[in-house]
N, C-alpha and C. Protein backbone atom coordinates (compact mmCIF):
# COMPACT_ATOMS: atom_id res chain seq x y z
N UNK A 1 -6.70 45.85 5.99
CA UNK A 1 -6.18 44.84 6.40
C UNK A 1 -6.39 44.09 4.79
N UNK A 2 -4.90 43.15 4.62
CA UNK A 2 -4.99 42.69 3.34
C UNK A 2 -5.18 41.39 3.50
N UNK A 3 -5.58 40.60 2.36
CA UNK A 3 -6.17 39.47 2.06
C UNK A 3 -4.73 38.21 2.43
N UNK A 4 -5.24 37.41 3.22
CA UNK A 4 -3.88 36.30 3.56
C UNK A 4 -3.42 35.69 2.37
N UNK A 5 -2.04 35.38 1.98
CA UNK A 5 -1.49 34.94 1.07
C UNK A 5 -1.49 33.56 0.76
N UNK A 6 -2.33 32.94 -0.05
CA UNK A 6 -2.80 31.48 -0.22
C UNK A 6 -2.25 31.13 -1.53
N UNK A 7 -1.22 31.53 -1.95
CA UNK A 7 -0.79 31.27 -3.13
C UNK A 7 0.06 29.85 -3.17
N UNK A 8 0.67 29.28 -2.49
CA UNK A 8 0.73 27.99 -2.37
C UNK A 8 -0.28 27.32 -2.23
N UNK A 9 -1.20 27.38 -1.30
CA UNK A 9 -2.24 26.64 -1.27
C UNK A 9 -3.03 26.56 -2.42
N UNK A 10 -3.07 27.69 -3.19
CA UNK A 10 -3.90 27.52 -4.65
C UNK A 10 -3.14 26.77 -5.56
N UNK A 11 -1.87 26.75 -5.75
CA UNK A 11 -1.01 26.05 -6.40
C UNK A 11 -1.37 24.56 -6.22
N UNK A 12 -1.42 24.24 -4.75
CA UNK A 12 -1.85 22.77 -4.68
C UNK A 12 -3.13 22.53 -5.33
N UNK A 13 -4.16 23.33 -5.04
CA UNK A 13 -5.62 23.00 -5.21
C UNK A 13 -5.63 23.07 -6.78
N UNK A 14 -4.80 23.67 -7.62
CA UNK A 14 -4.75 23.71 -9.03
C UNK A 14 -4.35 22.11 -9.50
N UNK A 15 -3.30 21.68 -9.01
CA UNK A 15 -2.79 20.68 -9.28
C UNK A 15 -3.79 19.22 -8.85
N UNK A 16 -4.41 19.61 -7.53
CA UNK A 16 -5.18 18.40 -7.34
C UNK A 16 -6.44 18.41 -8.23
N UNK A 17 -6.92 19.47 -8.66
CA UNK A 17 -8.22 19.68 -9.39
C UNK A 17 -7.86 18.83 -10.73
N UNK A 18 -6.63 19.25 -11.55
CA UNK A 18 -6.28 18.58 -12.50
C UNK A 18 -6.05 17.01 -12.47
N UNK A 19 -5.48 16.44 -11.64
CA UNK A 19 -5.36 15.17 -11.12
C UNK A 19 -6.87 14.54 -10.90
N UNK A 20 -7.45 15.05 -10.03
CA UNK A 20 -9.10 14.45 -9.87
C UNK A 20 -9.89 14.55 -11.08
N UNK A 21 -9.49 15.29 -12.23
CA UNK A 21 -10.56 15.20 -12.99
C UNK A 21 -10.46 13.87 -14.13
N UNK A 22 -11.59 13.73 -14.67
CA UNK A 22 -11.61 12.54 -15.17
C UNK A 22 -10.91 12.79 -16.74
N UNK A 23 -10.48 13.75 -17.05
CA UNK A 23 -9.81 14.21 -18.24
C UNK A 23 -8.79 15.57 -18.08
N UNK A 24 -7.81 15.05 -17.62
CA UNK A 24 -7.08 15.99 -17.04
C UNK A 24 -6.53 17.30 -18.21
N UNK A 25 -6.75 16.81 -19.54
CA UNK A 25 -6.25 17.85 -20.46
C UNK A 25 -7.58 18.95 -20.38
N UNK A 26 -8.81 18.53 -20.37
CA UNK A 26 -10.02 19.47 -20.19
C UNK A 26 -9.98 20.30 -18.90
N UNK A 27 -9.14 19.76 -18.01
CA UNK A 27 -9.04 20.60 -16.68
C UNK A 27 -7.95 21.53 -16.56
N UNK A 28 -7.05 21.18 -17.47
CA UNK A 28 -5.59 22.23 -17.58
C UNK A 28 -5.81 23.17 -17.46
N UNK A 29 -6.72 24.12 -18.05
CA UNK A 29 -6.83 25.47 -17.94
C UNK A 29 -6.97 26.19 -16.49
N UNK A 30 -7.29 25.31 -15.41
CA UNK A 30 -7.32 25.69 -14.16
C UNK A 30 -5.86 26.21 -13.75
N UNK A 31 -4.84 25.57 -14.48
CA UNK A 31 -3.33 25.59 -14.06
C UNK A 31 -3.00 26.86 -14.21
N UNK A 32 -3.77 27.92 -15.02
CA UNK A 32 -3.21 29.12 -15.34
C UNK A 32 -4.44 30.44 -15.34
N UNK A 33 -5.44 30.00 -14.63
CA UNK A 33 -6.79 30.90 -14.31
C UNK A 33 -6.30 31.81 -13.13
N UNK A 34 -6.91 32.86 -13.06
CA UNK A 34 -6.83 33.49 -11.61
C UNK A 34 -7.49 33.21 -10.64
N UNK A 35 -7.20 33.29 -9.47
CA UNK A 35 -7.53 32.52 -8.18
C UNK A 35 -9.00 32.98 -7.99
N UNK A 36 -9.54 34.06 -8.47
CA UNK A 36 -10.69 34.74 -8.23
C UNK A 36 -11.57 34.62 -9.19
N UNK A 37 -11.14 33.80 -10.42
CA UNK A 37 -11.93 33.58 -11.44
C UNK A 37 -13.18 32.38 -11.35
N UNK A 38 -14.19 32.56 -11.52
CA UNK A 38 -15.12 31.67 -11.31
C UNK A 38 -14.73 30.31 -12.20
N UNK A 39 -14.60 29.02 -11.53
CA UNK A 39 -14.04 27.78 -12.59
C UNK A 39 -15.05 27.45 -13.42
N UNK A 40 -16.27 27.63 -13.29
CA UNK A 40 -17.20 27.55 -14.26
C UNK A 40 -16.96 28.09 -15.40
N UNK A 41 -16.25 29.14 -15.67
CA UNK A 41 -16.01 29.80 -16.69
C UNK A 41 -14.73 29.34 -17.20
N UNK A 42 -13.81 28.65 -16.60
CA UNK A 42 -12.45 28.27 -16.90
C UNK A 42 -12.88 26.78 -17.30
N UNK A 43 -12.90 25.72 -17.02
CA UNK A 43 -13.47 24.32 -16.94
C UNK A 43 -14.86 23.99 -16.95
N UNK A 44 -15.34 22.87 -17.63
CA UNK A 44 -16.46 22.22 -17.62
C UNK A 44 -16.61 21.64 -15.92
N UNK A 45 -16.99 22.36 -14.96
CA UNK A 45 -16.76 22.11 -13.48
C UNK A 45 -18.17 20.94 -13.09
N UNK A 46 -18.08 19.76 -13.75
CA UNK A 46 -19.02 19.03 -13.88
C UNK A 46 -19.21 18.34 -12.53
N UNK A 47 -20.30 17.61 -12.03
CA UNK A 47 -20.52 17.12 -10.84
C UNK A 47 -19.21 15.99 -10.57
N UNK A 48 -18.60 15.33 -11.76
CA UNK A 48 -17.78 14.38 -11.50
C UNK A 48 -16.58 15.10 -11.14
N UNK A 49 -16.27 16.23 -11.74
CA UNK A 49 -14.93 17.07 -11.43
C UNK A 49 -14.95 17.37 -9.99
N UNK A 50 -16.24 17.88 -9.41
CA UNK A 50 -16.50 18.51 -8.10
C UNK A 50 -16.42 17.43 -7.15
N UNK A 51 -16.84 15.90 -7.57
CA UNK A 51 -16.88 14.97 -6.60
C UNK A 51 -15.17 14.52 -6.30
N UNK A 52 -14.66 14.40 -7.60
CA UNK A 52 -13.13 14.23 -7.57
C UNK A 52 -12.38 15.20 -6.85
N UNK A 53 -12.75 16.58 -6.97
CA UNK A 53 -12.06 17.39 -6.21
C UNK A 53 -12.24 17.62 -4.53
N UNK A 54 -13.50 17.33 -4.05
CA UNK A 54 -13.77 16.87 -2.96
C UNK A 54 -12.83 15.73 -2.00
N UNK A 55 -12.86 14.55 -2.90
CA UNK A 55 -12.41 13.35 -2.35
C UNK A 55 -10.91 13.79 -2.43
N UNK A 56 -10.37 14.27 -3.26
CA UNK A 56 -8.69 14.94 -3.37
C UNK A 56 -8.42 15.69 -2.18
N UNK A 57 -9.35 16.82 -2.00
CA UNK A 57 -9.07 17.38 -0.93
C UNK A 57 -8.95 16.79 0.35
N UNK A 58 -10.07 16.27 0.48
CA UNK A 58 -10.23 15.30 1.79
C UNK A 58 -9.06 14.36 1.94
N UNK A 59 -8.54 13.91 1.38
CA UNK A 59 -7.35 12.96 1.18
C UNK A 59 -6.17 13.46 1.34
N UNK A 60 -5.88 14.60 0.37
CA UNK A 60 -4.41 15.47 0.75
C UNK A 60 -4.39 16.24 1.95
N UNK A 61 -5.69 16.92 2.57
CA UNK A 61 -5.37 17.39 3.58
C UNK A 61 -5.89 17.00 4.98
N UNK A 62 -6.25 15.72 4.65
CA UNK A 62 -6.95 15.20 5.97
C UNK A 62 -7.92 15.98 6.55
N UNK A 63 -9.15 16.32 5.88
CA UNK A 63 -10.12 16.83 6.42
C UNK A 63 -11.29 16.16 5.93
N UNK A 64 -12.41 16.71 6.28
CA UNK A 64 -13.89 16.06 6.09
C UNK A 64 -14.56 17.48 5.69
N UNK A 65 -15.26 17.33 4.39
CA UNK A 65 -15.89 18.46 3.85
C UNK A 65 -17.63 18.04 3.99
N UNK A 66 -18.05 18.88 4.86
CA UNK A 66 -19.41 18.66 5.07
C UNK A 66 -20.21 19.44 4.09
N UNK A 67 -21.57 19.21 3.89
CA UNK A 67 -22.51 19.71 3.17
C UNK A 67 -22.43 21.36 3.33
N UNK A 68 -22.61 21.90 4.62
CA UNK A 68 -22.34 23.32 4.99
C UNK A 68 -20.97 23.91 4.67
N UNK A 69 -20.01 23.16 4.79
CA UNK A 69 -18.88 24.04 4.34
C UNK A 69 -18.79 24.05 2.87
N UNK A 70 -19.09 22.76 2.02
CA UNK A 70 -19.38 23.03 0.70
C UNK A 70 -20.50 23.94 0.44
N UNK A 71 -21.55 24.12 0.81
CA UNK A 71 -22.43 25.38 0.27
C UNK A 71 -21.78 26.57 0.27
N UNK A 72 -21.06 26.98 1.60
CA UNK A 72 -20.38 27.99 1.82
C UNK A 72 -19.26 28.28 0.69
N UNK A 73 -18.54 27.46 0.47
CA UNK A 73 -17.48 27.45 -0.46
C UNK A 73 -18.05 27.77 -2.06
N UNK A 74 -19.09 27.07 -2.43
CA UNK A 74 -19.65 27.13 -3.70
C UNK A 74 -20.54 28.07 -3.75
N UNK A 75 -21.10 29.03 -2.78
CA UNK A 75 -22.01 29.87 -2.82
C UNK A 75 -21.39 31.19 -3.49
N UNK A 76 -22.53 31.44 -4.77
CA UNK A 76 -21.80 32.66 -5.78
C UNK A 76 -20.91 31.92 -6.69
N UNK A 77 -20.59 31.04 -6.79
CA UNK A 77 -19.51 30.38 -7.74
C UNK A 77 -18.31 29.97 -7.01
N UNK A 78 -17.81 28.80 -7.60
CA UNK A 78 -16.62 28.42 -6.95
C UNK A 78 -15.23 28.91 -7.77
N UNK A 79 -14.55 29.52 -6.78
CA UNK A 79 -12.89 30.16 -7.33
C UNK A 79 -11.96 29.13 -6.26
N UNK A 80 -10.61 29.29 -6.92
CA UNK A 80 -9.63 28.65 -6.34
C UNK A 80 -9.49 29.52 -4.88
N UNK A 81 -9.89 30.79 -4.95
CA UNK A 81 -9.58 31.40 -3.54
C UNK A 81 -10.55 30.89 -2.48
N UNK A 82 -11.92 30.69 -3.10
CA UNK A 82 -12.86 30.26 -1.92
C UNK A 82 -12.35 28.81 -1.60
N UNK A 83 -11.86 27.91 -2.38
CA UNK A 83 -11.37 26.66 -2.17
C UNK A 83 -10.26 26.74 -1.05
N UNK A 84 -9.43 27.83 -1.47
CA UNK A 84 -8.28 27.72 -0.30
C UNK A 84 -8.73 28.13 0.91
N UNK A 85 -9.76 29.35 1.23
CA UNK A 85 -10.34 29.60 2.17
C UNK A 85 -10.79 28.55 3.02
N UNK A 86 -11.75 27.65 2.20
CA UNK A 86 -12.13 26.44 2.72
C UNK A 86 -11.22 25.61 3.39
N UNK A 87 -10.06 25.29 2.79
CA UNK A 87 -8.99 24.41 3.28
C UNK A 87 -8.55 24.94 4.40
N UNK A 88 -8.40 25.95 4.46
CA UNK A 88 -7.80 26.95 5.77
C UNK A 88 -9.05 26.73 6.92
N UNK A 89 -9.98 26.86 6.77
CA UNK A 89 -11.13 26.74 7.67
C UNK A 89 -10.92 25.32 8.13
N UNK A 90 -11.04 24.48 7.53
CA UNK A 90 -11.14 22.92 7.71
C UNK A 90 -9.88 22.62 8.48
N UNK A 91 -8.68 23.18 8.46
CA UNK A 91 -7.34 22.73 8.55
C UNK A 91 -7.09 23.37 9.90
N UNK A 92 -7.59 24.63 10.27
CA UNK A 92 -7.55 25.75 11.24
C UNK A 92 -5.97 25.97 10.94
N UNK A 93 -5.42 26.03 9.73
CA UNK A 93 -3.92 26.34 9.60
C UNK A 93 -3.79 27.75 8.73
N UNK A 94 -3.02 28.49 9.11
CA UNK A 94 -2.45 29.93 8.44
C UNK A 94 -1.50 29.06 7.40
N UNK A 95 -1.67 28.99 6.07
CA UNK A 95 -0.65 28.36 5.33
C UNK A 95 0.02 29.44 4.36
N UNK A 96 0.48 30.45 4.95
CA UNK A 96 1.16 31.55 4.34
C UNK A 96 2.44 31.07 4.05
N UNK A 97 3.26 32.22 3.31
CA UNK A 97 4.59 31.84 3.06
C UNK A 97 5.52 31.39 3.91
N UNK A 98 6.27 30.02 3.72
CA UNK A 98 7.35 29.51 4.62
C UNK A 98 6.42 28.33 5.66
N UNK A 99 5.13 28.15 5.44
CA UNK A 99 4.56 27.23 6.16
C UNK A 99 4.03 26.15 5.25
N UNK A 100 3.87 24.89 5.60
CA UNK A 100 3.86 23.74 5.01
C UNK A 100 2.13 23.74 4.73
């Protein structure tokens, strides 16, 4: 079984993280990292950036991120792939190619 294609969702998350960051220049490397690369190694993933990302994801996708969902997404280090899986879980959507 192959992993679902979340490339469009990952691209959206990249943009959301950069826009949510207090310093978009400091967050810009997230635009070019691998989806499975730990974000802590790419950008200073401070509590301010985490909070901004949570708020941006909630507003953009119309979801509520609970402590339990966030804990699962952050377990073992946060990656774009894990954030994309979290969004899919919360929206109940398969956002593969050709889907909004």
